[in-house]
C-alpha atoms as a PDB file:
ATOM      1  CA  UNK A   1     112.514  89.625 143.621  1.00  0.00           C
ATOM      2  CA  UNK A   2     109.863  87.202 144.783  1.00  0.00           C
ATOM      3  CA  UNK A   3     107.095  86.780 142.186  1.00  0.00           C
ATOM      4  CA  UNK A   4     103.896  88.411 143.351  1.00  0.00           C
ATOM      5  CA  UNK A   5     100.515  87.822 141.774  1.00  0.00           C
ATOM      6  CA  UNK A   6      97.752  90.267 142.635  1.00  0.00           C
ATOM      7  CA  UNK A   7      94.321  88.926 141.759  1.00  0.00           C
ATOM      8  CA  UNK A   8      92.995  92.487 141.506  1.00  0.00           C
ATOM      9  CA  UNK A   9      95.806  93.468 139.147  1.00  0.00           C
ATOM     10  CA  UNK A  10      95.544  90.420 136.902  1.00  0.00           C
ATOM     11  CA  UNK A  11      91.802  90.695 136.498  1.00  0.00           C
ATOM     12  CA  UNK A  12      92.304  94.140 134.995  1.00  0.00           C
ATOM     13  CA  UNK A  13      92.587  92.575 131.547  1.00  0.00           C
ATOM     14  CA  UNK A  14      89.481  90.435 132.003  1.00  0.00           C
ATOM     15  CA  UNK A  15      87.002  92.743 133.685  1.00  0.00           C
ATOM     16  CA  UNK A  16      84.194  94.137 131.587  1.00  0.00           C
ATOM     17  CA  UNK A  17      85.579  97.639 131.361  1.00  0.00           C
ATOM     18  CA  UNK A  18      83.249 100.539 130.608  1.00  0.00           C
ATOM     19  CA  UNK A  19      82.935 101.238 126.916  1.00  0.00           C
ATOM     20  CA  UNK A  20      83.473 104.749 125.603  1.00  0.00           C
ATOM     21  CA  UNK A  21      82.484 106.324 122.327  1.00  0.00           C
ATOM     22  CA  UNK A  22      83.954 108.794 119.915  1.00  0.00           C
ATOM     23  CA  UNK A  23      82.531 109.931 116.617  1.00  0.00           C
ATOM     24  CA  UNK A  24      84.217 111.569 113.668  1.00  0.00           C
ATOM     25  CA  UNK A  25      82.944 115.131 113.641  1.00  0.00           C
ATOM     26  CA  UNK A  26      81.483 114.993 117.164  1.00  0.00           C
ATOM     27  CA  UNK A  27      82.630 115.441 120.739  1.00  0.00           C
ATOM     28  CA  UNK A  28      81.866 111.863 121.764  1.00  0.00           C
ATOM     29  CA  UNK A  29      81.117 111.448 125.469  1.00  0.00           C
ATOM     30  CA  UNK A  30      81.155 109.076 128.406  1.00  0.00           C
ATOM     31  CA  UNK A  31      77.666 107.721 127.784  1.00  0.00           C
ATOM     32  CA  UNK A  32      77.361 105.935 124.469  1.00  0.00           C
ATOM     33  CA  UNK A  33      74.565 106.914 122.092  1.00  0.00           C
ATOM     34  CA  UNK A  34      74.581 105.254 118.690  1.00  0.00           C
ATOM     35  CA  UNK A  35      74.210 107.551 115.698  1.00  0.00           C
ATOM     36  CA  UNK A  36      71.766 105.787 113.333  1.00  0.00           C
ATOM     37  CA  UNK A  37      73.268 107.606 110.348  1.00  0.00           C
ATOM     38  CA  UNK A  38      76.853 106.506 111.039  1.00  0.00           C
ATOM     39  CA  UNK A  39      78.730 103.287 110.398  1.00  0.00           C
ATOM     40  CA  UNK A  40      79.266 102.053 113.963  1.00  0.00           C
ATOM     41  CA  UNK A  41      82.682 100.545 114.654  1.00  0.00           C
ATOM     42  CA  UNK A  42      83.198  98.653 117.901  1.00  0.00           C
ATOM     43  CA  UNK A  43      86.942  98.753 118.425  1.00  0.00           C
ATOM     44  CA  UNK A  44      89.476  97.447 120.916  1.00  0.00           C
ATOM     45  CA  UNK A  45      92.314  98.339 118.532  1.00  0.00           C
ATOM     46  CA  UNK A  46      94.529 101.264 119.508  1.00  0.00           C
ATOM     47  CA  UNK A  47      92.539 104.480 119.642  1.00  0.00           C
ATOM     48  CA  UNK A  48      94.854 106.468 117.383  1.00  0.00           C
ATOM     49  CA  UNK A  49      94.917 103.742 114.710  1.00  0.00           C
ATOM     50  CA  UNK A  50      91.148 103.276 114.718  1.00  0.00           C
ATOM     51  CA  UNK A  51      90.560 107.024 114.571  1.00  0.00           C
ATOM     52  CA  UNK A  52      93.008 107.388 111.683  1.00  0.00           C
ATOM     53  CA  UNK A  53      91.288 104.600 109.744  1.00  0.00           C
ATOM     54  CA  UNK A  54      87.804 105.966 110.420  1.00  0.00           C
ATOM     55  CA  UNK A  55      88.746 109.499 109.421  1.00  0.00           C
ATOM     56  CA  UNK A  56      90.567 108.364 106.269  1.00  0.00           C
ATOM     57  CA  UNK A  57      87.622 106.158 105.262  1.00  0.00           C
ATOM     58  CA  UNK A  58      85.209 109.045 105.720  1.00  0.00           C
ATOM     59  CA  UNK A  59      87.482 111.332 103.705  1.00  0.00           C
ATOM     60  CA  UNK A  60      87.708 108.761 100.899  1.00  0.00           C
ATOM     61  CA  UNK A  61      84.052 107.762 100.768  1.00  0.00           C
ATOM     62  CA  UNK A  62      81.991 110.424 102.507  1.00  0.00           C
ATOM     63  CA  UNK A  63      80.571 107.754 104.835  1.00  0.00           C
ATOM     64  CA  UNK A  64      80.075 109.008 108.388  1.00  0.00           C
ATOM     65  CA  UNK A  65      81.651 106.786 111.065  1.00  0.00           C
ATOM     66  CA  UNK A  66      81.305 106.414 114.808  1.00  0.00           C
ATOM     67  CA  UNK A  67      83.710 104.504 117.063  1.00  0.00           C
ATOM     68  CA  UNK A  68      82.858 102.786 120.331  1.00  0.00           C
ATOM     69  CA  UNK A  69      85.940 101.756 122.308  1.00  0.00           C
ATOM     70  CA  UNK A  70      86.576  98.977 124.792  1.00  0.00           C
ATOM     71  CA  UNK A  71      89.025  96.223 125.688  1.00  0.00           C
ATOM     72  CA  UNK A  72      89.350  93.000 123.681  1.00  0.00           C
ATOM     73  CA  UNK A  73      87.662  90.737 126.201  1.00  0.00           C
ATOM     74  CA  UNK A  74      84.903  93.077 127.324  1.00  0.00           C
ATOM     75  CA  UNK A  75      83.974  94.165 123.814  1.00  0.00           C
ATOM     76  CA  UNK A  76      83.914  90.642 122.356  1.00  0.00           C
ATOM     77  CA  UNK A  77      81.647  89.424 125.141  1.00  0.00           C
ATOM     78  CA  UNK A  78      79.584  92.622 124.872  1.00  0.00           C
ATOM     79  CA  UNK A  79      78.776  91.782 121.255  1.00  0.00           C
ATOM     80  CA  UNK A  80      77.892  88.191 122.166  1.00  0.00           C
ATOM     81  CA  UNK A  81      75.631  89.499 124.924  1.00  0.00           C
ATOM     82  CA  UNK A  82      73.953  91.897 122.506  1.00  0.00           C
ATOM     83  CA  UNK A  83      73.552  89.158 119.900  1.00  0.00           C
ATOM     84  CA  UNK A  84      71.403  90.047 116.898  1.00  0.00           C
ATOM     85  CA  UNK A  85      70.393  93.264 118.696  1.00  0.00           C
ATOM     86  CA  UNK A  86      73.921  94.677 118.569  1.00  0.00           C
ATOM     87  CA  UNK A  87      74.051  98.136 116.982  1.00  0.00           C
ATOM     88  CA  UNK A  88      77.616  97.426 115.805  1.00  0.00           C
ATOM     89  CA  UNK A  89      78.370  97.183 112.100  1.00  0.00           C
ATOM     90  CA  UNK A  90      82.102  96.433 112.340  1.00  0.00           C
ATOM     91  CA  UNK A  91      84.285  94.905 115.072  1.00  0.00           C
ATOM     92  CA  UNK A  92      88.040  95.584 115.274  1.00  0.00           C
ATOM     93  CA  UNK A  93      90.274  93.862 117.823  1.00  0.00           C
ATOM     94  CA  UNK A  94      93.838  94.089 119.070  1.00  0.00           C
ATOM     95  CA  UNK A  95      94.154  90.288 119.240  1.00  0.00           C
ATOM     96  CA  UNK A  96      92.172  87.709 117.293  1.00  0.00           C
ATOM     97  CA  UNK A  97      90.863  85.579 120.248  1.00  0.00           C
ATOM     98  CA  UNK A  98      88.314  88.336 120.990  1.00  0.00           C
ATOM     99  CA  UNK A  99      87.063  87.990 117.419  1.00  0.00           C
ATOM    100  CA  UNK A 100      86.825  84.205 117.641  1.00  0.00           C
ATOM    101  CA  UNK A 101      84.524  84.620 120.664  1.00  0.00           C
ATOM    102  CA  UNK A 102      82.130  86.499 118.376  1.00  0.00           C
ATOM    103  CA  UNK A 103      82.749  84.102 115.517  1.00  0.00           C
ATOM    104  CA  UNK A 104      81.896  81.028 117.585  1.00  0.00           C
ATOM    105  CA  UNK A 105      78.624  82.692 118.530  1.00  0.00           C
ATOM    106  CA  UNK A 106      77.735  82.800 114.825  1.00  0.00           C
ATOM    107  CA  UNK A 107      77.501  86.593 114.733  1.00  0.00           C
ATOM    108  CA  UNK A 108      79.859  87.395 111.835  1.00  0.00           C
ATOM    109  CA  UNK A 109      79.164  87.729 108.124  1.00  0.00           C
ATOM    110  CA  UNK A 110      81.729  86.261 105.682  1.00  0.00           C
ATOM    111  CA  UNK A 111      84.338  88.754 104.485  1.00  0.00           C
ATOM    112  CA  UNK A 112      84.096  89.646 100.803  1.00  0.00           C
ATOM    113  CA  UNK A 113      86.511  87.502  98.713  1.00  0.00           C
ATOM    114  CA  UNK A 114      88.032  90.596  97.086  1.00  0.00           C
ATOM    115  CA  UNK A 115      88.935  91.913 100.544  1.00  0.00           C
ATOM    116  CA  UNK A 116      90.462  88.596 101.598  1.00  0.00           C
ATOM    117  CA  UNK A 117      92.623  88.721  98.468  1.00  0.00           C
ATOM    118  CA  UNK A 118      94.291  91.887  99.767  1.00  0.00           C
ATOM    119  CA  UNK A 119      96.185  89.978 102.497  1.00  0.00           C
ATOM    120  CA  UNK A 120      98.235  86.759 102.417  1.00  0.00           C
ATOM    121  CA  UNK A 121      96.279  83.532 102.940  1.00  0.00           C
ATOM    122  CA  UNK A 122      97.693  83.049 106.444  1.00  0.00           C
ATOM    123  CA  UNK A 123      96.284  86.426 107.492  1.00  0.00           C
ATOM    124  CA  UNK A 124      92.693  85.206 107.626  1.00  0.00           C
ATOM    125  CA  UNK A 125      91.164  82.189 109.371  1.00  0.00           C
ATOM    126  CA  UNK A 126      90.166  79.128 107.372  1.00  0.00           C
ATOM    127  CA  UNK A 127      86.526  80.088 107.920  1.00  0.00           C
ATOM    128  CA  UNK A 128      87.009  83.481 106.152  1.00  0.00           C
ATOM    129  CA  UNK A 129      84.664  85.057 108.712  1.00  0.00           C
ATOM    130  CA  UNK A 130      87.129  87.838 109.512  1.00  0.00           C
ATOM    131  CA  UNK A 131      90.422  89.253 108.279  1.00  0.00           C
ATOM    132  CA  UNK A 132      93.713  90.432 109.766  1.00  0.00           C
ATOM    133  CA  UNK A 133      94.118  94.206 109.812  1.00  0.00           C
ATOM    134  CA  UNK A 134      97.536  94.399 111.555  1.00  0.00           C
ATOM    135  CA  UNK A 135      99.991  92.062 113.276  1.00  0.00           C
ATOM    136  CA  UNK A 136     102.359  92.021 116.246  1.00  0.00           C
ATOM    137  CA  UNK A 137     105.143  89.622 117.199  1.00  0.00           C
ATOM    138  CA  UNK A 138     105.954  88.077 120.551  1.00  0.00           C
ATOM    139  CA  UNK A 139     109.484  88.974 121.659  1.00  0.00           C
ATOM    140  CA  UNK A 140     111.777  88.662 124.655  1.00  0.00           C
ATOM    141  CA  UNK A 141     113.047  91.977 126.020  1.00  0.00           C
ATOM    142  CA  UNK A 142     116.375  91.534 127.782  1.00  0.00           C
ATOM    143  CA  UNK A 143     118.818  93.667 129.723  1.00  0.00           C
ATOM    144  CA  UNK A 144     122.474  93.093 128.720  1.00  0.00           C
ATOM    145  CA  UNK A 145     123.602  94.435 132.100  1.00  0.00           C
ATOM    146  CA  UNK A 146     121.720  91.587 133.771  1.00  0.00           C
ATOM    147  CA  UNK A 147     122.207  88.686 131.350  1.00  0.00           C
ATOM    148  CA  UNK A 148     124.376  87.813 128.362  1.00  0.00           C
ATOM    149  CA  UNK A 149     122.987  86.943 124.958  1.00  0.00           C
ATOM    150  CA  UNK A 150     124.420  83.435 125.288  1.00  0.00           C
ATOM    151  CA  UNK A 151     122.354  82.911 128.453  1.00  0.00           C
ATOM    152  CA  UNK A 152     119.011  83.749 126.828  1.00  0.00           C
ATOM    153  CA  UNK A 153     116.465  80.923 126.627  1.00  0.00           C
ATOM    154  CA  UNK A 154     116.464  79.019 123.345  1.00  0.00           C
ATOM    155  CA  UNK A 155     112.687  78.621 123.581  1.00  0.00           C
ATOM    156  CA  UNK A 156     110.012  80.508 125.466  1.00  0.00           C
ATOM    157  CA  UNK A 157     109.085  77.118 126.910  1.00  0.00           C
ATOM    158  CA  UNK A 158     112.463  77.101 128.717  1.00  0.00           C
ATOM    159  CA  UNK A 159     111.157  79.788 131.083  1.00  0.00           C
ATOM    160  CA  UNK A 160     109.238  77.033 132.883  1.00  0.00           C
ATOM    161  CA  UNK A 161     112.557  75.621 134.128  1.00  0.00           C
ATOM    162  CA  UNK A 162     113.180  76.233 137.864  1.00  0.00           C
ATOM    163  CA  UNK A 163     116.438  78.002 136.982  1.00  0.00           C
ATOM    164  CA  UNK A 164     114.353  80.908 135.663  1.00  0.00           C
ATOM    165  CA  UNK A 165     112.274  81.325 138.809  1.00  0.00           C
ATOM    166  CA  UNK A 166     112.022  85.013 139.710  1.00  0.00           C
ATOM    167  CA  UNK A 167     114.112  85.982 136.686  1.00  0.00           C
ATOM    168  CA  UNK A 168     111.495  86.853 134.100  1.00  0.00           C
ATOM    169  CA  UNK A 169     108.396  88.969 133.806  1.00  0.00           C
ATOM    170  CA  UNK A 170     105.168  89.204 131.825  1.00  0.00           C
ATOM    171  CA  UNK A 171     101.663  90.679 132.028  1.00  0.00           C
ATOM    172  CA  UNK A 172      99.422  87.601 132.339  1.00  0.00           C
ATOM    173  CA  UNK A 173      96.288  89.581 133.156  1.00  0.00           C
ATOM    174  CA  UNK A 174      96.160  91.293 129.775  1.00  0.00           C
ATOM    175  CA  UNK A 175      94.622  90.266 126.462  1.00  0.00           C
ATOM    176  CA  UNK A 176      98.026  90.464 124.765  1.00  0.00           C
ATOM    177  CA  UNK A 177      99.621  87.800 126.940  1.00  0.00           C
ATOM    178  CA  UNK A 178      96.498  85.659 126.847  1.00  0.00           C
ATOM    179  CA  UNK A 179      96.667  85.691 123.032  1.00  0.00           C
ATOM    180  CA  UNK A 180     100.259  84.453 123.302  1.00  0.00           C
ATOM    181  CA  UNK A 181      99.077  81.674 125.627  1.00  0.00           C
ATOM    182  CA  UNK A 182      96.258  80.868 123.177  1.00  0.00           C
ATOM    183  CA  UNK A 183      98.869  80.475 120.446  1.00  0.00           C
ATOM    184  CA  UNK A 184     100.831  78.123 122.688  1.00  0.00           C
ATOM    185  CA  UNK A 185      97.687  76.124 123.397  1.00  0.00           C
ATOM    186  CA  UNK A 186      96.933  75.747 119.688  1.00  0.00           C
ATOM    187  CA  UNK A 187     100.543  74.816 118.924  1.00  0.00           C
ATOM    188  CA  UNK A 188     101.554  72.662 121.900  1.00  0.00           C
ATOM    189  CA  UNK A 189      98.274  71.396 123.380  1.00  0.00           C
ATOM    190  CA  UNK A 190      96.617  71.601 126.767  1.00  0.00           C
ATOM    191  CA  UNK A 191      99.012  69.465 128.825  1.00  0.00           C
ATOM    192  CA  UNK A 192     102.191  71.318 127.858  1.00  0.00           C
ATOM    193  CA  UNK A 193     100.520  74.744 128.019  1.00  0.00           C
ATOM    194  CA  UNK A 194      98.985  73.996 131.403  1.00  0.00           C
ATOM    195  CA  UNK A 195     102.360  72.926 132.795  1.00  0.00           C
ATOM    196  CA  UNK A 196     104.005  76.078 131.419  1.00  0.00           C
ATOM    197  CA  UNK A 197     101.332  78.291 132.972  1.00  0.00           C
ATOM    198  CA  UNK A 198     101.721  76.526 136.313  1.00  0.00           C
ATOM    199  CA  UNK A 199     105.448  77.293 136.168  1.00  0.00           C
ATOM    200  CA  UNK A 200     104.629  80.904 135.301  1.00  0.00           C
ATOM    201  CA  UNK A 201     102.448  81.219 138.391  1.00  0.00           C
ATOM    202  CA  UNK A 202     105.282  79.981 140.559  1.00  0.00           C
ATOM    203  CA  UNK A 203     108.230  81.573 138.807  1.00  0.00           C
ATOM    204  CA  UNK A 204     107.397  84.771 136.921  1.00  0.00           C
ATOM    205  CA  UNK A 205     107.041  88.364 138.072  1.00  0.00           C
ATOM    206  CA  UNK A 206     103.618  89.688 137.074  1.00  0.00           C
ATOM    207  CA  UNK A 207     103.253  93.207 135.718  1.00  0.00           C
ATOM    208  CA  UNK A 208     100.206  95.217 134.729  1.00  0.00           C
ATOM    209  CA  UNK A 209     100.925  95.404 131.010  1.00  0.00           C
ATOM    210  CA  UNK A 210     103.597  95.150 128.303  1.00  0.00           C
ATOM    211  CA  UNK A 211     104.977  98.620 128.998  1.00  0.00           C
ATOM    212  CA  UNK A 212     105.383  97.863 132.707  1.00  0.00           C
ATOM    213  CA  UNK A 213     107.125  94.608 131.778  1.00  0.00           C
ATOM    214  CA  UNK A 214     109.531  96.417 129.460  1.00  0.00           C
ATOM    215  CA  UNK A 215     110.266  99.070 132.092  1.00  0.00           C
ATOM    216  CA  UNK A 216     110.951  96.377 134.699  1.00  0.00           C
ATOM    217  CA  UNK A 217     113.521  94.793 132.390  1.00  0.00           C
ATOM    218  CA  UNK A 218     114.958  98.222 131.645  1.00  0.00           C
ATOM    219  CA  UNK A 219     115.310  98.936 135.389  1.00  0.00           C
ATOM    220  CA  UNK A 220     116.964  95.573 136.058  1.00  0.00           C
ATOM    221  CA  UNK A 221     114.100  94.171 138.159  1.00  0.00           C
ATOM    222  CA  UNK A 222     114.194  91.069 135.975  1.00  0.00           C
ATOM    223  CA  UNK A 223     116.720  90.118 133.270  1.00  0.00           C
ATOM    224  CA  UNK A 224     114.071  89.272 130.640  1.00  0.00           C
ATOM    225  CA  UNK A 225     110.386  89.792 129.899  1.00  0.00           C
ATOM    226  CA  UNK A 226     107.825  88.493 127.408  1.00  0.00           C
ATOM    227  CA  UNK A 227     105.945  91.204 125.483  1.00  0.00           C
ATOM    228  CA  UNK A 228     104.939  92.365 122.007  1.00  0.00           C
ATOM    229  CA  UNK A 229     107.501  94.019 119.760  1.00  0.00           C
ATOM    230  CA  UNK A 230     105.873  97.363 119.014  1.00  0.00           C
ATOM    231  CA  UNK A 231     106.065  98.765 122.553  1.00  0.00           C
ATOM    232  CA  UNK A 232     109.856  98.617 122.322  1.00  0.00           C
ATOM    233  CA  UNK A 233     110.041 100.132 118.844  1.00  0.00           C
ATOM    234  CA  UNK A 234     107.704 102.977 119.780  1.00  0.00           C
ATOM    235  CA  UNK A 235     109.810 103.792 122.863  1.00  0.00           C
ATOM    236  CA  UNK A 236     113.024 103.551 120.837  1.00  0.00           C
ATOM    237  CA  UNK A 237     111.599 105.997 118.303  1.00  0.00           C
ATOM    238  CA  UNK A 238     110.855 108.437 121.137  1.00  0.00           C
ATOM    239  CA  UNK A 239     112.571 109.176 124.418  1.00  0.00           C
ATOM    240  CA  UNK A 240     113.843 105.600 125.022  1.00  0.00           C
ATOM    241  CA  UNK A 241     112.915 106.214 128.652  1.00  0.00           C
ATOM    242  CA  UNK A 242     111.508 102.720 129.108  1.00  0.00           C
ATOM    243  CA  UNK A 243     113.841 100.751 126.843  1.00  0.00           C
ATOM    244  CA  UNK A 244     117.309 102.352 126.752  1.00  0.00           C
ATOM    245  CA  UNK A 245     118.886  99.477 128.707  1.00  0.00           C
ATOM    246  CA  UNK A 246     117.145  96.714 126.760  1.00  0.00           C
ATOM    247  CA  UNK A 247     117.374  94.753 123.541  1.00  0.00           C
ATOM    248  CA  UNK A 248     114.922  92.439 121.790  1.00  0.00           C
ATOM    249  CA  UNK A 249     115.358  88.737 121.174  1.00  0.00           C
ATOM    250  CA  UNK A 250     113.286  86.991 118.498  1.00  0.00           C
ATOM    251  CA  UNK A 251     112.916  83.264 119.165  1.00  0.00           C
ATOM    252  CA  UNK A 252     112.151  82.197 115.575  1.00  0.00           C
ATOM    253  CA  UNK A 253     112.266  78.454 114.802  1.00  0.00           C
ATOM    254  CA  UNK A 254     108.436  78.317 114.886  1.00  0.00           C
ATOM    255  CA  UNK A 255     108.712  78.499 118.662  1.00  0.00           C
ATOM    256  CA  UNK A 256     105.667  79.537 120.743  1.00  0.00           C
ATOM    257  CA  UNK A 257     107.771  82.558 121.658  1.00  0.00           C
ATOM    258  CA  UNK A 258     107.681  83.617 118.005  1.00  0.00           C
ATOM    259  CA  UNK A 259     103.877  83.712 117.951  1.00  0.00           C
ATOM    260  CA  UNK A 260     102.445  86.434 115.726  1.00  0.00           C
ATOM    261  CA  UNK A 261      99.106  87.779 116.927  1.00  0.00           C
ATOM    262  CA  UNK A 262      96.689  89.193 114.375  1.00  0.00           C
ATOM    263  CA  UNK A 263      94.513  92.194 114.972  1.00  0.00           C
ATOM    264  CA  UNK A 264      91.174  91.293 113.433  1.00  0.00           C
ATOM    265  CA  UNK A 265      88.356  92.966 111.559  1.00  0.00           C
ATOM    266  CA  UNK A 266      84.891  91.537 111.036  1.00  0.00           C
ATOM    267  CA  UNK A 267      81.411  92.539 109.869  1.00  0.00           C
ATOM    268  CA  UNK A 268      78.467  91.827 112.132  1.00  0.00           C
ATOM    269  CA  UNK A 269      75.852  89.630 110.458  1.00  0.00           C
ATOM    270  CA  UNK A 270      73.128  91.735 112.084  1.00  0.00           C
ATOM    271  CA  UNK A 271      74.380  95.006 110.557  1.00  0.00           C
ATOM    272  CA  UNK A 272      71.839  96.998 108.587  1.00  0.00           C
ATOM    273  CA  UNK A 273      74.773  98.690 106.821  1.00  0.00           C
ATOM    274  CA  UNK A 274      76.449  95.475 105.651  1.00  0.00           C
ATOM    275  CA  UNK A 275      77.618  96.869 102.316  1.00  0.00           C
ATOM    276  CA  UNK A 276      79.261  99.893 103.945  1.00  0.00           C
ATOM    277  CA  UNK A 277      80.778  97.666 106.648  1.00  0.00           C
ATOM    278  CA  UNK A 278      82.343  95.465 103.970  1.00  0.00           C
ATOM    279  CA  UNK A 279      83.629  98.599 102.235  1.00  0.00           C
ATOM    280  CA  UNK A 280      85.286  99.678 105.491  1.00  0.00           C
ATOM    281  CA  UNK A 281      87.109  96.331 105.854  1.00  0.00           C
ATOM    282  CA  UNK A 282      88.131  96.539 102.210  1.00  0.00           C
ATOM    283  CA  UNK A 283      89.502 100.037 102.772  1.00  0.00           C
ATOM    284  CA  UNK A 284      91.578  99.355 105.902  1.00  0.00           C
ATOM    285  CA  UNK A 285      93.190  96.262 104.310  1.00  0.00           C
ATOM    286  CA  UNK A 286      93.829  98.050 101.002  1.00  0.00           C
ATOM    287  CA  UNK A 287      97.257  99.553 100.228  1.00  0.00           C
ATOM    288  CA  UNK A 288      95.883 102.992 101.131  1.00  0.00           C
ATOM    289  CA  UNK A 289      94.392 101.824 104.429  1.00  0.00           C
ATOM    290  CA  UNK A 290      97.473  99.837 105.397  1.00  0.00           C
ATOM    291  CA  UNK A 291      99.617 102.896 104.732  1.00  0.00           C
ATOM    292  CA  UNK A 292      97.408 104.773 107.206  1.00  0.00           C
ATOM    293  CA  UNK A 293      98.404 102.114 109.773  1.00  0.00           C
ATOM    294  CA  UNK A 294     102.110 102.524 108.993  1.00  0.00           C
ATOM    295  CA  UNK A 295     101.889 106.324 109.081  1.00  0.00           C
ATOM    296  CA  UNK A 296     100.199 106.168 112.504  1.00  0.00           C
ATOM    297  CA  UNK A 297     103.582 105.135 113.966  1.00  0.00           C
ATOM    298  CA  UNK A 298     101.915 102.427 116.040  1.00  0.00           C
ATOM    299  CA  UNK A 299     104.824 100.206 114.949  1.00  0.00           C
ATOM    300  CA  UNK A 300     102.463  97.313 114.313  1.00  0.00           C
ATOM    301  CA  UNK A 301     103.038  95.247 111.196  1.00  0.00           C
ATOM    302  CA  UNK A 302     101.100  96.029 108.044  1.00  0.00           C
ATOM    303  CA  UNK A 303      99.463  92.878 106.657  1.00  0.00           C
ATOM    304  CA  UNK A 304      98.381  94.065 103.195  1.00  0.00           C
ATOM    305  CA  UNK A 305     100.113  92.480 100.223  1.00  0.00           C
ATOM    306  CA  UNK A 306     103.055  94.588  99.016  1.00  0.00           C
ATOM    307  CA  UNK A 307     102.630  97.158 101.804  1.00  0.00           C
ATOM    308  CA  UNK A 308     105.948  97.540 103.683  1.00  0.00           C
ATOM    309  CA  UNK A 309     105.850  98.016 107.442  1.00  0.00           C
ATOM    310  CA  UNK A 310     107.949 100.632 109.213  1.00  0.00           C
ATOM    311  CA  UNK A 311     111.571 100.085 108.053  1.00  0.00           C
ATOM    312  CA  UNK A 312     112.772  99.838 111.666  1.00  0.00           C
ATOM    313  CA  UNK A 313     110.986  96.480 112.017  1.00  0.00           C
ATOM    314  CA  UNK A 314     112.457  93.157 110.928  1.00  0.00           C
ATOM    315  CA  UNK A 315     110.371  91.850 108.009  1.00  0.00           C
ATOM    316  CA  UNK A 316     107.256  90.000 109.108  1.00  0.00           C
ATOM    317  CA  UNK A 317     108.051  87.061 106.840  1.00  0.00           C
ATOM    318  CA  UNK A 318     111.461  86.670 108.514  1.00  0.00           C
ATOM    319  CA  UNK A 319     110.101  85.918 112.000  1.00  0.00           C
ATOM    320  CA  UNK A 320     109.559  82.170 111.459  1.00  0.00           C
ATOM    321  CA  UNK A 321     106.471  82.108 113.668  1.00  0.00           C
ATOM    322  CA  UNK A 322     104.543  78.909 114.516  1.00  0.00           C
ATOM    323  CA  UNK A 323     101.938  78.028 111.840  1.00  0.00           C
ATOM    324  CA  UNK A 324      98.816  78.437 113.972  1.00  0.00           C
ATOM    325  CA  UNK A 325      95.403  78.868 112.335  1.00  0.00           C
ATOM    326  CA  UNK A 326      94.016  81.947 114.131  1.00  0.00           C
ATOM    327  CA  UNK A 327      90.560  80.338 114.088  1.00  0.00           C
ATOM    328  CA  UNK A 328      91.819  77.806 116.648  1.00  0.00           C
ATOM    329  CA  UNK A 329      92.771  80.424 119.260  1.00  0.00           C
ATOM    330  CA  UNK A 330      90.494  80.065 122.270  1.00  0.00           C
ATOM    331  CA  UNK A 331      90.634  82.798 124.910  1.00  0.00           C
ATOM    332  CA  UNK A 332      87.983  81.153 127.089  1.00  0.00           C
ATOM    333  CA  UNK A 333      90.026  77.948 127.301  1.00  0.00           C
ATOM    334  CA  UNK A 334      93.158  79.947 128.139  1.00  0.00           C
ATOM    335  CA  UNK A 335      91.271  81.742 130.905  1.00  0.00           C
ATOM    336  CA  UNK A 336      90.261  78.366 132.313  1.00  0.00           C
ATOM    337  CA  UNK A 337      93.835  77.063 132.219  1.00  0.00           C
ATOM    338  CA  UNK A 338      95.166  80.232 133.837  1.00  0.00           C
ATOM    339  CA  UNK A 339      92.513  80.003 136.536  1.00  0.00           C
ATOM    340  CA  UNK A 340      93.404  76.350 137.147  1.00  0.00           C
ATOM    341  CA  UNK A 341      97.055  77.375 137.457  1.00  0.00           C
ATOM    342  CA  UNK A 342      96.171  79.986 140.077  1.00  0.00           C
ATOM    343  CA  UNK A 343      97.169  82.945 137.919  1.00  0.00           C
ATOM    344  CA  UNK A 344      93.669  84.415 137.679  1.00  0.00           C
END
């Protein structure tokens, strides 16, 4: 299949999507109205996970919560645009680059040291301005009817080779893939990342999201596809409709293809409920809050110390991911490189 890049499709992950709101104990609605009595959580994390955390926190503390939803990119830039006037108390992301956008604007309050102590040291940036709340691993989905295990690329960087042209897929328009590219940029530098992205533009099949990528591999459209692990494990735990003909390959060896992306949580410096916001971060990274994540069946990794993830997942500490400080991940720079490469 000839790789096809649709500018309209790829910009889906970058456009400032409308933000929706839900509130624990209310009907929510299409038009957002902040509840001054509630702890306001801006979230681009998965809706079911955020709702489970908010409801469990309210049940444990009696604190009323309200959730405003949006995509990583749109919500991070929304907060920057709002600045000190933002009504948000807490920001939760799917991938950490959206949080670093807010961090670089100087809009975050330092996370309480006791909260930071609930996760390993590599699960928070060196600045301590935010904290990991979940994690997901980059993987290669592959179809054994289309390719043998011995033929799989040793490194994700190998996909830039002309021999792979038209034989792999990804979703470059989404925040997930752009976080993977940001990890590559931090690990390998601009020249190597730019060259890899240029090869992607010429040689990869572009899909709308991770699920579409997995389904394309499952259907034999391409032998392999780059995605995050949890989409596969969720499908395997269900109907297997999108993954029955696929397996997962973990690159390991601190390869860019073993990048682990952190979902992030931060407290807005402008919050007038700073103490409650810090309590919320402390709760969702506590053993109880991390168990809520595991029980949600999102199949993301728990990041709390001594909190096991779903037993179907390979242990997080076995993945041998590249040692990238999440503070260095720069989504704006990745967007520039992808635009230069003609992807966006």
